[in-house]
Amino acid sequence: MTQKQIANMVGVTGAQLHRYETGSTRIAASRLIAIANALGVRPDTLLATASNGEPHVTSLPVSTSEEIVELIQMFGNIADPRHRTALVAVARMMTTQHAQRSAPEETT
């Protein structure tokens, strides 16, 4: 699928889609969801890819997927960039703590 085809499916120009892709333009949560739908992936997959450069695909129950979409929509509605940054920091901390607890202990 070409970038132009995806742009047409989402309802934006190819140039606008490129600006979203490169991060030069902020993207609304609703547009992110539309792009994910056009690509046939979940929105959280796009967010994970953008945050670390690698796709993070997990199999989640439907209720969790709905919660993720709701969280993305609410995050997009936070106007204050400091609040968004703080929320990301909390989520990162919670994820890091979870990963540390579930990681096997190293033996030497």
PDB file of N, CA and C in Angstrom:
ATOM      1  N   MET A   1       0.851  -1.175   0.000  1.00  0.00           N
ATOM      2  CA  MET A   1       0.000   0.000   0.000  1.00  0.00           C
ATOM      3  C   MET A   1       0.899   1.241   0.000  1.00  0.00           C
ATOM      4  N   THR A   2       0.579   2.192  -0.845  1.00  0.00           N
ATOM      5  CA  THR A   2       1.386   3.405  -0.925  1.00  0.00           C
ATOM      6  C   THR A   2       0.922   4.427   0.117  1.00  0.00           C
ATOM      7  N   GLN A   3       1.785   5.389   0.355  1.00  0.00           N
ATOM      8  CA  GLN A   3       1.443   6.461   1.282  1.00  0.00           C
ATOM      9  C   GLN A   3       0.236   7.246   0.765  1.00  0.00           C
ATOM     10  N   LYS A   4       0.170   7.426  -0.548  1.00  0.00           N
ATOM     11  CA  LYS A   4      -0.949   8.159  -1.138  1.00  0.00           C
ATOM     12  C   LYS A   4      -2.261   7.392  -0.947  1.00  0.00           C
ATOM     13  N   GLN A   5      -2.220   6.078  -1.072  1.00  0.00           N
ATOM     14  CA  GLN A   5      -3.427   5.276  -0.868  1.00  0.00           C
ATOM     15  C   GLN A   5      -3.902   5.369   0.588  1.00  0.00           C
ATOM     16  N   ILE A   6      -2.963   5.297   1.495  1.00  0.00           N
ATOM     17  CA  ILE A   6      -3.321   5.418   2.920  1.00  0.00           C
ATOM     18  C   ILE A   6      -3.899   6.795   3.190  1.00  0.00           C
ATOM     19  N   ALA A   7      -3.266   7.832   2.641  1.00  0.00           N
ATOM     20  CA  ALA A   7      -3.753   9.204   2.825  1.00  0.00           C
ATOM     21  C   ALA A   7      -5.189   9.334   2.322  1.00  0.00           C
ATOM     22  N   ASN A   8      -5.472   8.749   1.169  1.00  0.00           N
ATOM     23  CA  ASN A   8      -6.838   8.799   0.624  1.00  0.00           C
ATOM     24  C   ASN A   8      -7.823   8.085   1.535  1.00  0.00           C
ATOM     25  N   MET A   9      -7.430   6.957   2.086  1.00  0.00           N
ATOM     26  CA  MET A   9      -8.309   6.214   2.988  1.00  0.00           C
ATOM     27  C   MET A   9      -8.599   6.998   4.264  1.00  0.00           C
ATOM     28  N   VAL A  10      -7.605   7.775   4.706  1.00  0.00           N
ATOM     29  CA  VAL A  10      -7.730   8.531   5.951  1.00  0.00           C
ATOM     30  C   VAL A  10      -8.401   9.881   5.717  1.00  0.00           C
ATOM     31  N   GLY A  11      -8.327  10.379   4.488  1.00  0.00           N
ATOM     32  CA  GLY A  11      -8.947  11.662   4.178  1.00  0.00           C
ATOM     33  C   GLY A  11      -8.012  12.847   4.328  1.00  0.00           C
ATOM     34  N   VAL A  12      -6.709  12.619   4.118  1.00  0.00           N
ATOM     35  CA  VAL A  12      -5.732  13.699   4.163  1.00  0.00           C
ATOM     36  C   VAL A  12      -4.884  13.626   2.900  1.00  0.00           C
ATOM     37  N   THR A  13      -4.076  14.646   2.680  1.00  0.00           N
ATOM     38  CA  THR A  13      -3.171  14.628   1.529  1.00  0.00           C
ATOM     39  C   THR A  13      -1.957  13.758   1.854  1.00  0.00           C
ATOM     40  N   GLY A  14      -1.257  13.340   0.823  1.00  0.00           N
ATOM     41  CA  GLY A  14      -0.025  12.585   1.012  1.00  0.00           C
ATOM     42  C   GLY A  14       0.997  13.383   1.805  1.00  0.00           C
ATOM     43  N   ALA A  15       1.047  14.680   1.526  1.00  0.00           N
ATOM     44  CA  ALA A  15       1.993  15.549   2.240  1.00  0.00           C
ATOM     45  C   ALA A  15       1.656  15.614   3.730  1.00  0.00           C
ATOM     46  N   GLN A  16       0.365  15.702   4.049  1.00  0.00           N
ATOM     47  CA  GLN A  16      -0.043  15.752   5.456  1.00  0.00           C
ATOM     48  C   GLN A  16       0.295  14.441   6.152  1.00  0.00           C
ATOM     49  N   LEU A  17       0.046  13.321   5.490  1.00  0.00           N
ATOM     50  CA  LEU A  17       0.373  12.027   6.071  1.00  0.00           C
ATOM     51  C   LEU A  17       1.879  11.931   6.334  1.00  0.00           C
ATOM     52  N   HIS A  18       2.671  12.455   5.412  1.00  0.00           N
ATOM     53  CA  HIS A  18       4.124  12.462   5.593  1.00  0.00           C
ATOM     54  C   HIS A  18       4.516  13.298   6.815  1.00  0.00           C
ATOM     55  N   ARG A  19       3.845  14.422   7.019  1.00  0.00           N
ATOM     56  CA  ARG A  19       4.139  15.263   8.186  1.00  0.00           C
ATOM     57  C   ARG A  19       3.796  14.519   9.483  1.00  0.00           C
ATOM     58  N   TYR A  20       2.697  13.749   9.462  1.00  0.00           N
ATOM     59  CA  TYR A  20       2.370  12.927  10.632  1.00  0.00           C
ATOM     60  C   TYR A  20       3.468  11.889  10.859  1.00  0.00           C
ATOM     61  N   GLU A  21       3.883  11.258   9.770  1.00  0.00           N
ATOM     62  CA  GLU A  21       4.870  10.186   9.851  1.00  0.00           C
ATOM     63  C   GLU A  21       6.207  10.671  10.396  1.00  0.00           C
ATOM     64  N   THR A  22       6.618  11.856  10.010  1.00  0.00           N
ATOM     65  CA  THR A  22       7.906  12.385  10.440  1.00  0.00           C
ATOM     66  C   THR A  22       7.824  13.114  11.775  1.00  0.00           C
ATOM     67  N   GLY A  23       6.620  13.358  12.258  1.00  0.00           N
ATOM     68  CA  GLY A  23       6.461  14.036  13.538  1.00  0.00           C
ATOM     69  C   GLY A  23       6.516  15.541  13.450  1.00  0.00           C
ATOM     70  N   SER A  24       6.497  16.084  12.235  1.00  0.00           N
ATOM     71  CA  SER A  24       6.547  17.540  12.109  1.00  0.00           C
ATOM     72  C   SER A  24       5.191  18.187  12.373  1.00  0.00           C
ATOM     73  N   THR A  25       4.123  17.382  12.392  1.00  0.00           N
ATOM     74  CA  THR A  25       2.780  17.864  12.697  1.00  0.00           C
ATOM     75  C   THR A  25       2.171  16.960  13.753  1.00  0.00           C
ATOM     76  N   ARG A  26       1.556  17.556  14.775  1.00  0.00           N
ATOM     77  CA  ARG A  26       0.851  16.759  15.782  1.00  0.00           C
ATOM     78  C   ARG A  26      -0.347  16.096  15.147  1.00  0.00           C
ATOM     79  N   ILE A  27      -0.679  14.941  15.675  1.00  0.00           N
ATOM     80  CA  ILE A  27      -1.789  14.177  15.118  1.00  0.00           C
ATOM     81  C   ILE A  27      -2.874  14.010  16.170  1.00  0.00           C
ATOM     82  N   ALA A  28      -4.104  14.247  15.769  1.00  0.00           N
ATOM     83  CA  ALA A  28      -5.234  14.059  16.676  1.00  0.00           C
ATOM     84  C   ALA A  28      -5.461  12.563  16.878  1.00  0.00           C
ATOM     85  N   ALA A  29      -5.974  12.210  18.036  1.00  0.00           N
ATOM     86  CA  ALA A  29      -6.233  10.800  18.339  1.00  0.00           C
ATOM     87  C   ALA A  29      -7.170  10.183  17.314  1.00  0.00           C
ATOM     88  N   SER A  30      -8.182  10.932  16.889  1.00  0.00           N
ATOM     89  CA  SER A  30      -9.122  10.395  15.900  1.00  0.00           C
ATOM     90  C   SER A  30      -8.431  10.100  14.574  1.00  0.00           C
ATOM     91  N   ARG A  31      -7.470  10.930  14.196  1.00  0.00           N
ATOM     92  CA  ARG A  31      -6.725  10.704  12.951  1.00  0.00           C
ATOM     93  C   ARG A  31      -5.791   9.498  13.105  1.00  0.00           C
ATOM     94  N   LEU A  32      -5.184   9.366  14.278  1.00  0.00           N
ATOM     95  CA  LEU A  32      -4.333   8.213  14.544  1.00  0.00           C
ATOM     96  C   LEU A  32      -5.142   6.921  14.434  1.00  0.00           C
ATOM     97  N   ILE A  33      -6.337   6.933  14.962  1.00  0.00           N
ATOM     98  CA  ILE A  33      -7.210   5.762  14.889  1.00  0.00           C
ATOM     99  C   ILE A  33      -7.567   5.469  13.435  1.00  0.00           C
ATOM    100  N   ALA A  34      -7.849   6.507  12.652  1.00  0.00           N
ATOM    101  CA  ALA A  34      -8.175   6.317  11.232  1.00  0.00           C
ATOM    102  C   ALA A  34      -6.990   5.711  10.483  1.00  0.00           C
ATOM    103  N   ILE A  35      -5.788   6.173  10.786  1.00  0.00           N
ATOM    104  CA  ILE A  35      -4.587   5.632  10.139  1.00  0.00           C
ATOM    105  C   ILE A  35      -4.399   4.170  10.539  1.00  0.00           C
ATOM    106  N   ALA A  36      -4.570   3.878  11.810  1.00  0.00           N
ATOM    107  CA  ALA A  36      -4.437   2.492  12.275  1.00  0.00           C
ATOM    108  C   ALA A  36      -5.450   1.598  11.571  1.00  0.00           C
ATOM    109  N   ASN A  37      -6.685   2.070  11.438  1.00  0.00           N
ATOM    110  CA  ASN A  37      -7.710   1.295  10.737  1.00  0.00           C
ATOM    111  C   ASN A  37      -7.327   1.066   9.283  1.00  0.00           C
ATOM    112  N   ALA A  38      -6.799   2.086   8.629  1.00  0.00           N
ATOM    113  CA  ALA A  38      -6.391   1.959   7.232  1.00  0.00           C
ATOM    114  C   ALA A  38      -5.265   0.937   7.077  1.00  0.00           C
ATOM    115  N   LEU A  39      -4.388   0.879   8.067  1.00  0.00           N
ATOM    116  CA  LEU A  39      -3.259  -0.052   8.022  1.00  0.00           C
ATOM    117  C   LEU A  39      -3.618  -1.443   8.551  1.00  0.00           C
ATOM    118  N   GLY A  40      -4.788  -1.544   9.172  1.00  0.00           N
ATOM    119  CA  GLY A  40      -5.208  -2.827   9.723  1.00  0.00           C
ATOM    120  C   GLY A  40      -4.481  -3.207  10.999  1.00  0.00           C
ATOM    121  N   VAL A  41      -4.081  -2.193  11.789  1.00  0.00           N
ATOM    122  CA  VAL A  41      -3.425  -2.438  13.075  1.00  0.00           C
ATOM    123  C   VAL A  41      -4.150  -1.663  14.158  1.00  0.00           C
ATOM    124  N   ARG A  42      -3.807  -1.956  15.413  1.00  0.00           N
ATOM    125  CA  ARG A  42      -4.401  -1.223  16.517  1.00  0.00           C
ATOM    126  C   ARG A  42      -3.621   0.062  16.744  1.00  0.00           C
ATOM    127  N   PRO A  43      -4.269   1.121  17.215  1.00  0.00           N
ATOM    128  CA  PRO A  43      -3.582   2.395  17.446  1.00  0.00           C
ATOM    129  C   PRO A  43      -2.394   2.277  18.395  1.00  0.00           C
ATOM    130  N   ASP A  44      -2.491   1.427  19.413  1.00  0.00           N
ATOM    131  CA  ASP A  44      -1.377   1.297  20.348  1.00  0.00           C
ATOM    132  C   ASP A  44      -0.131   0.728  19.671  1.00  0.00           C
ATOM    133  N   THR A  45      -0.310  -0.026  18.604  1.00  0.00           N
ATOM    134  CA  THR A  45       0.832  -0.535  17.846  1.00  0.00           C
ATOM    135  C   THR A  45       1.588   0.622  17.207  1.00  0.00           C
ATOM    136  N   LEU A  46       0.854   1.592  16.658  1.00  0.00           N
ATOM    137  CA  LEU A  46       1.499   2.760  16.065  1.00  0.00           C
ATOM    138  C   LEU A  46       2.225   3.585  17.123  1.00  0.00           C
ATOM    139  N   LEU A  47       1.608   3.724  18.280  1.00  0.00           N
ATOM    140  CA  LEU A  47       2.232   4.499  19.347  1.00  0.00           C
ATOM    141  C   LEU A  47       3.503   3.820  19.844  1.00  0.00           C
ATOM    142  N   ALA A  48       3.461   2.513  20.003  1.00  0.00           N
ATOM    143  CA  ALA A  48       4.648   1.792  20.461  1.00  0.00           C
ATOM    144  C   ALA A  48       5.763   1.900  19.434  1.00  0.00           C
ATOM    145  N   THR A  49       5.414   1.808  18.170  1.00  0.00           N
ATOM    146  CA  THR A  49       6.409   1.913  17.107  1.00  0.00           C
ATOM    147  C   THR A  49       7.046   3.296  17.124  1.00  0.00           C
ATOM    148  N   ALA A  50       6.237   4.311  17.307  1.00  0.00           N
ATOM    149  CA  ALA A  50       6.756   5.680  17.317  1.00  0.00           C
ATOM    150  C   ALA A  50       7.639   5.937  18.527  1.00  0.00           C
ATOM    151  N   SER A  51       7.327   5.322  19.656  1.00  0.00           N
ATOM    152  CA  SER A  51       8.078   5.613  20.870  1.00  0.00           C
ATOM    153  C   SER A  51       9.434   4.930  20.923  1.00  0.00           C
ATOM    154  N   ASN A  52       9.571   3.749  20.297  1.00  0.00           N
ATOM    155  CA  ASN A  52      10.863   3.072  20.391  1.00  0.00           C
ATOM    156  C   ASN A  52      11.403   2.581  19.063  1.00  0.00           C
ATOM    157  N   GLY A  53      10.712   2.896  17.990  1.00  0.00           N
ATOM    158  CA  GLY A  53      11.200   2.526  16.675  1.00  0.00           C
ATOM    159  C   GLY A  53      10.908   1.097  16.267  1.00  0.00           C
ATOM    160  N   GLU A  54      10.339   0.307  17.155  1.00  0.00           N
ATOM    161  CA  GLU A  54      10.030  -1.079  16.829  1.00  0.00           C
ATOM    162  C   GLU A  54       8.581  -1.357  17.164  1.00  0.00           C
ATOM    163  N   PRO A  55       7.905  -2.130  16.316  1.00  0.00           N
ATOM    164  CA  PRO A  55       6.524  -2.488  16.624  1.00  0.00           C
ATOM    165  C   PRO A  55       6.443  -3.346  17.880  1.00  0.00           C
ATOM    166  N   HIS A  56       5.437  -3.116  18.656  1.00  0.00           N
ATOM    167  CA  HIS A  56       5.198  -3.901  19.857  1.00  0.00           C
ATOM    168  C   HIS A  56       3.787  -4.445  19.728  1.00  0.00           C
ATOM    169  N   VAL A  57       3.667  -5.631  19.192  1.00  0.00           N
ATOM    170  CA  VAL A  57       2.364  -6.211  18.930  1.00  0.00           C
ATOM    171  C   VAL A  57       2.051  -7.208  20.030  1.00  0.00           C
ATOM    172  N   THR A  58       0.910  -7.005  20.660  1.00  0.00           N
ATOM    173  CA  THR A  58       0.472  -7.927  21.688  1.00  0.00           C
ATOM    174  C   THR A  58      -0.948  -8.343  21.390  1.00  0.00           C
ATOM    175  N   SER A  59      -1.336  -9.434  21.927  1.00  0.00           N
ATOM    176  CA  SER A  59      -2.707  -9.898  21.785  1.00  0.00           C
ATOM    177  C   SER A  59      -3.453  -9.514  23.053  1.00  0.00           C
ATOM    178  N   LEU A  60      -4.394  -8.601  22.918  1.00  0.00           N
ATOM    179  CA  LEU A  60      -5.132  -8.113  24.076  1.00  0.00           C
ATOM    180  C   LEU A  60      -6.601  -8.457  23.944  1.00  0.00           C
ATOM    181  N   PRO A  61      -7.275  -8.671  25.062  1.00  0.00           N
ATOM    182  CA  PRO A  61      -8.719  -8.876  25.001  1.00  0.00           C
ATOM    183  C   PRO A  61      -9.404  -7.636  24.435  1.00  0.00           C
ATOM    184  N   VAL A  62     -10.574  -7.816  23.857  1.00  0.00           N
ATOM    185  CA  VAL A  62     -11.299  -6.706  23.231  1.00  0.00           C
ATOM    186  C   VAL A  62     -11.524  -5.572  24.207  1.00  0.00           C
ATOM    187  N   SER A  63     -11.898  -5.880  25.448  1.00  0.00           N
ATOM    188  CA  SER A  63     -12.159  -4.801  26.409  1.00  0.00           C
ATOM    189  C   SER A  63     -10.912  -3.958  26.618  1.00  0.00           C
ATOM    190  N   THR A  64      -9.736  -4.589  26.631  1.00  0.00           N
ATOM    191  CA  THR A  64      -8.502  -3.837  26.802  1.00  0.00           C
ATOM    192  C   THR A  64      -8.238  -2.968  25.582  1.00  0.00           C
ATOM    193  N   SER A  65      -8.498  -3.491  24.387  1.00  0.00           N
ATOM    194  CA  SER A  65      -8.317  -2.705  23.167  1.00  0.00           C
ATOM    195  C   SER A  65      -9.215  -1.476  23.180  1.00  0.00           C
ATOM    196  N   GLU A  66     -10.440  -1.639  23.639  1.00  0.00           N
ATOM    197  CA  GLU A  66     -11.360  -0.503  23.730  1.00  0.00           C
ATOM    198  C   GLU A  66     -10.846   0.519  24.738  1.00  0.00           C
ATOM    199  N   GLU A  67     -10.275   0.036  25.825  1.00  0.00           N
ATOM    200  CA  GLU A  67      -9.719   0.942  26.816  1.00  0.00           C
ATOM    201  C   GLU A  67      -8.533   1.714  26.241  1.00  0.00           C
ATOM    202  N   ILE A  68      -7.734   1.056  25.430  1.00  0.00           N
ATOM    203  CA  ILE A  68      -6.580   1.712  24.815  1.00  0.00           C
ATOM    204  C   ILE A  68      -7.049   2.824  23.886  1.00  0.00           C
ATOM    205  N   VAL A  69      -8.058   2.542  23.081  1.00  0.00           N
ATOM    206  CA  VAL A  69      -8.593   3.562  22.173  1.00  0.00           C
ATOM    207  C   VAL A  69      -9.136   4.734  22.982  1.00  0.00           C
ATOM    208  N   GLU A  70      -9.859   4.435  24.064  1.00  0.00           N
ATOM    209  CA  GLU A  70     -10.396   5.497  24.915  1.00  0.00           C
ATOM    210  C   GLU A  70      -9.268   6.320  25.530  1.00  0.00           C
ATOM    211  N   LEU A  71      -8.219   5.648  25.979  1.00  0.00           N
ATOM    212  CA  LEU A  71      -7.077   6.340  26.570  1.00  0.00           C
ATOM    213  C   LEU A  71      -6.402   7.252  25.552  1.00  0.00           C
ATOM    214  N   ILE A  72      -6.250   6.772  24.325  1.00  0.00           N
ATOM    215  CA  ILE A  72      -5.647   7.583  23.266  1.00  0.00           C
ATOM    216  C   ILE A  72      -6.501   8.821  22.993  1.00  0.00           C
ATOM    217  N   GLN A  73      -7.817   8.630  22.950  1.00  0.00           N
ATOM    218  CA  GLN A  73      -8.704   9.765  22.689  1.00  0.00           C
ATOM    219  C   GLN A  73      -8.623  10.786  23.826  1.00  0.00           C
ATOM    220  N   MET A  74      -8.611  10.312  25.057  1.00  0.00           N
ATOM    221  CA  MET A  74      -8.519  11.235  26.183  1.00  0.00           C
ATOM    222  C   MET A  74      -7.171  11.946  26.190  1.00  0.00           C
ATOM    223  N   PHE A  75      -6.095  11.211  25.902  1.00  0.00           N
ATOM    224  CA  PHE A  75      -4.761  11.813  25.872  1.00  0.00           C
ATOM    225  C   PHE A  75      -4.717  12.916  24.821  1.00  0.00           C
ATOM    226  N   GLY A  76      -5.332  12.681  23.663  1.00  0.00           N
ATOM    227  CA  GLY A  76      -5.361  13.693  22.606  1.00  0.00           C
ATOM    228  C   GLY A  76      -6.111  14.946  22.999  1.00  0.00           C
ATOM    229  N   ASN A  77      -6.993  14.838  23.973  1.00  0.00           N
ATOM    230  CA  ASN A  77      -7.775  15.996  24.417  1.00  0.00           C
ATOM    231  C   ASN A  77      -7.108  16.781  25.540  1.00  0.00           C
ATOM    232  N   ILE A  78      -5.966  16.327  26.018  1.00  0.00           N
ATOM    233  CA  ILE A  78      -5.244  17.059  27.068  1.00  0.00           C
ATOM    234  C   ILE A  78      -4.524  18.225  26.404  1.00  0.00           C
ATOM    235  N   ALA A  79      -4.923  19.431  26.738  1.00  0.00           N
ATOM    236  CA  ALA A  79      -4.385  20.623  26.072  1.00  0.00           C
ATOM    237  C   ALA A  79      -3.002  21.024  26.582  1.00  0.00           C
ATOM    238  N   ASP A  80      -2.765  20.851  27.861  1.00  0.00           N
ATOM    239  CA  ASP A  80      -1.508  21.312  28.456  1.00  0.00           C
ATOM    240  C   ASP A  80      -0.396  20.294  28.194  1.00  0.00           C
ATOM    241  N   PRO A  81       0.645  20.682  27.453  1.00  0.00           N
ATOM    242  CA  PRO A  81       1.728  19.733  27.158  1.00  0.00           C
ATOM    243  C   PRO A  81       2.426  19.202  28.409  1.00  0.00           C
ATOM    244  N   ARG A  82       2.425  19.984  29.481  1.00  0.00           N
ATOM    245  CA  ARG A  82       3.037  19.514  30.732  1.00  0.00           C
ATOM    246  C   ARG A  82       2.240  18.353  31.315  1.00  0.00           C
ATOM    247  N   HIS A  83       0.923  18.426  31.187  1.00  0.00           N
ATOM    248  CA  HIS A  83       0.080  17.345  31.690  1.00  0.00           C
ATOM    249  C   HIS A  83       0.295  16.075  30.869  1.00  0.00           C
ATOM    250  N   ARG A  84       0.416  16.238  29.538  1.00  0.00           N
ATOM    251  CA  ARG A  84       0.676  15.067  28.679  1.00  0.00           C
ATOM    252  C   ARG A  84       2.015  14.435  29.046  1.00  0.00           C
ATOM    253  N   THR A  85       3.027  15.271  29.240  1.00  0.00           N
ATOM    254  CA  THR A  85       4.351  14.774  29.594  1.00  0.00           C
ATOM    255  C   THR A  85       4.314  14.033  30.926  1.00  0.00           C
ATOM    256  N   ALA A  86       3.595  14.591  31.883  1.00  0.00           N
ATOM    257  CA  ALA A  86       3.481  13.953  33.198  1.00  0.00           C
ATOM    258  C   ALA A  86       2.769  12.611  33.091  1.00  0.00           C
ATOM    259  N   LEU A  87       1.732  12.550  32.294  1.00  0.00           N
ATOM    260  CA  LEU A  87       0.987  11.306  32.119  1.00  0.00           C
ATOM    261  C   LEU A  87       1.862  10.239  31.466  1.00  0.00           C
ATOM    262  N   VAL A  88       2.635  10.624  30.471  1.00  0.00           N
ATOM    263  CA  VAL A  88       3.555   9.682  29.825  1.00  0.00           C
ATOM    264  C   VAL A  88       4.595   9.192  30.826  1.00  0.00           C
ATOM    265  N   ALA A  89       5.101  10.086  31.661  1.00  0.00           N
ATOM    266  CA  ALA A  89       6.093   9.701  32.671  1.00  0.00           C
ATOM    267  C   ALA A  89       5.506   8.690  33.649  1.00  0.00           C
ATOM    268  N   VAL A  90       4.276   8.901  34.075  1.00  0.00           N
ATOM    269  CA  VAL A  90       3.627   7.958  34.993  1.00  0.00           C
ATOM    270  C   VAL A  90       3.445   6.605  34.310  1.00  0.00           C
ATOM    271  N   ALA A  91       2.978   6.617  33.084  1.00  0.00           N
ATOM    272  CA  ALA A  91       2.784   5.359  32.355  1.00  0.00           C
ATOM    273  C   ALA A  91       4.114   4.638  32.163  1.00  0.00           C
ATOM    274  N   ARG A  92       5.156   5.381  31.826  1.00  0.00           N
ATOM    275  CA  ARG A  92       6.483   4.779  31.649  1.00  0.00           C
ATOM    276  C   ARG A  92       6.966   4.168  32.962  1.00  0.00           C
ATOM    277  N   MET A  93       6.763   4.873  34.069  1.00  0.00           N
ATOM    278  CA  MET A  93       7.178   4.371  35.366  1.00  0.00           C
ATOM    279  C   MET A  93       6.417   3.078  35.693  1.00  0.00           C
ATOM    280  N   MET A  94       5.125   3.073  35.460  1.00  0.00           N
ATOM    281  CA  MET A  94       4.316   1.900  35.758  1.00  0.00           C
ATOM    282  C   MET A  94       4.737   0.722  34.875  1.00  0.00           C
ATOM    283  N   THR A  95       5.028   0.980  33.632  1.00  0.00           N
ATOM    284  CA  THR A  95       5.445  -0.074  32.712  1.00  0.00           C
ATOM    285  C   THR A  95       6.809  -0.611  33.110  1.00  0.00           C
ATOM    286  N   THR A  96       7.715   0.266  33.487  1.00  0.00           N
ATOM    287  CA  THR A  96       9.050  -0.142  33.901  1.00  0.00           C
ATOM    288  C   THR A  96       8.984  -0.981  35.164  1.00  0.00           C
ATOM    289  N   GLN A  97       8.171  -0.563  36.117  1.00  0.00           N
ATOM    290  CA  GLN A  97       8.029  -1.325  37.355  1.00  0.00           C
ATOM    291  C   GLN A  97       7.465  -2.706  37.067  1.00  0.00           C
ATOM    292  N   HIS A  98       6.482  -2.788  36.173  1.00  0.00           N
ATOM    293  CA  HIS A  98       5.880  -4.075  35.817  1.00  0.00           C
ATOM    294  C   HIS A  98       6.926  -4.970  35.154  1.00  0.00           C
ATOM    295  N   ALA A  99       7.713  -4.413  34.260  1.00  0.00           N
ATOM    296  CA  ALA A  99       8.737  -5.193  33.559  1.00  0.00           C
ATOM    297  C   ALA A  99       9.800  -5.689  34.535  1.00  0.00           C
ATOM    298  N   GLN A 100      10.155  -4.859  35.517  1.00  0.00           N
ATOM    299  CA  GLN A 100      11.171  -5.263  36.497  1.00  0.00           C
ATOM    300  C   GLN A 100      10.664  -6.388  37.383  1.00  0.00           C
ATOM    301  N   ARG A 101       9.377  -6.332  37.747  1.00  0.00           N
ATOM    302  CA  ARG A 101       8.803  -7.369  38.614  1.00  0.00           C
ATOM    303  C   ARG A 101       8.656  -8.683  37.875  1.00  0.00           C
ATOM    304  N   SER A 102       8.348  -8.649  36.580  1.00  0.00           N
ATOM    305  CA  SER A 102       8.093  -9.880  35.849  1.00  0.00           C
ATOM    306  C   SER A 102       9.331 -10.431  35.142  1.00  0.00           C
ATOM    307  N   ALA A 103      10.446  -9.693  35.169  1.00  0.00           N
ATOM    308  CA  ALA A 103      11.677 -10.176  34.539  1.00  0.00           C
ATOM    309  C   ALA A 103      12.318 -11.249  35.411  1.00  0.00           C
ATOM    310  N   PRO A 104      12.823 -12.317  34.784  1.00  0.00           N
ATOM    311  CA  PRO A 104      13.496 -13.351  35.585  1.00  0.00           C
ATOM    312  C   PRO A 104      14.775 -12.807  36.203  1.00  0.00           C
ATOM    313  N   GLU A 105      15.075 -13.261  37.383  1.00  0.00           N
ATOM    314  CA  GLU A 105      16.281 -12.794  38.067  1.00  0.00           C
ATOM    315  C   GLU A 105      17.491 -13.448  37.438  1.00  0.00           C
ATOM    316  N   GLU A 106      18.566 -12.664  37.319  1.00  0.00           N
ATOM    317  CA  GLU A 106      19.799 -13.187  36.745  1.00  0.00           C
ATOM    318  C   GLU A 106      20.576 -13.934  37.820  1.00  0.00           C
ATOM    319  N   THR A 107      21.204 -15.014  37.395  1.00  0.00           N
ATOM    320  CA  THR A 107      22.078 -15.739  38.311  1.00  0.00           C
ATOM    321  C   THR A 107      23.487 -15.653  37.790  1.00  0.00           C
ATOM    322  N   THR A 108      24.429 -15.497  38.690  1.00  0.00           N
ATOM    323  CA  THR A 108      25.830 -15.377  38.271  1.00  0.00           C
ATOM    324  C   THR A 108      26.662 -16.466  38.857  1.00  0.00           C
TER     325      THR A 108
END
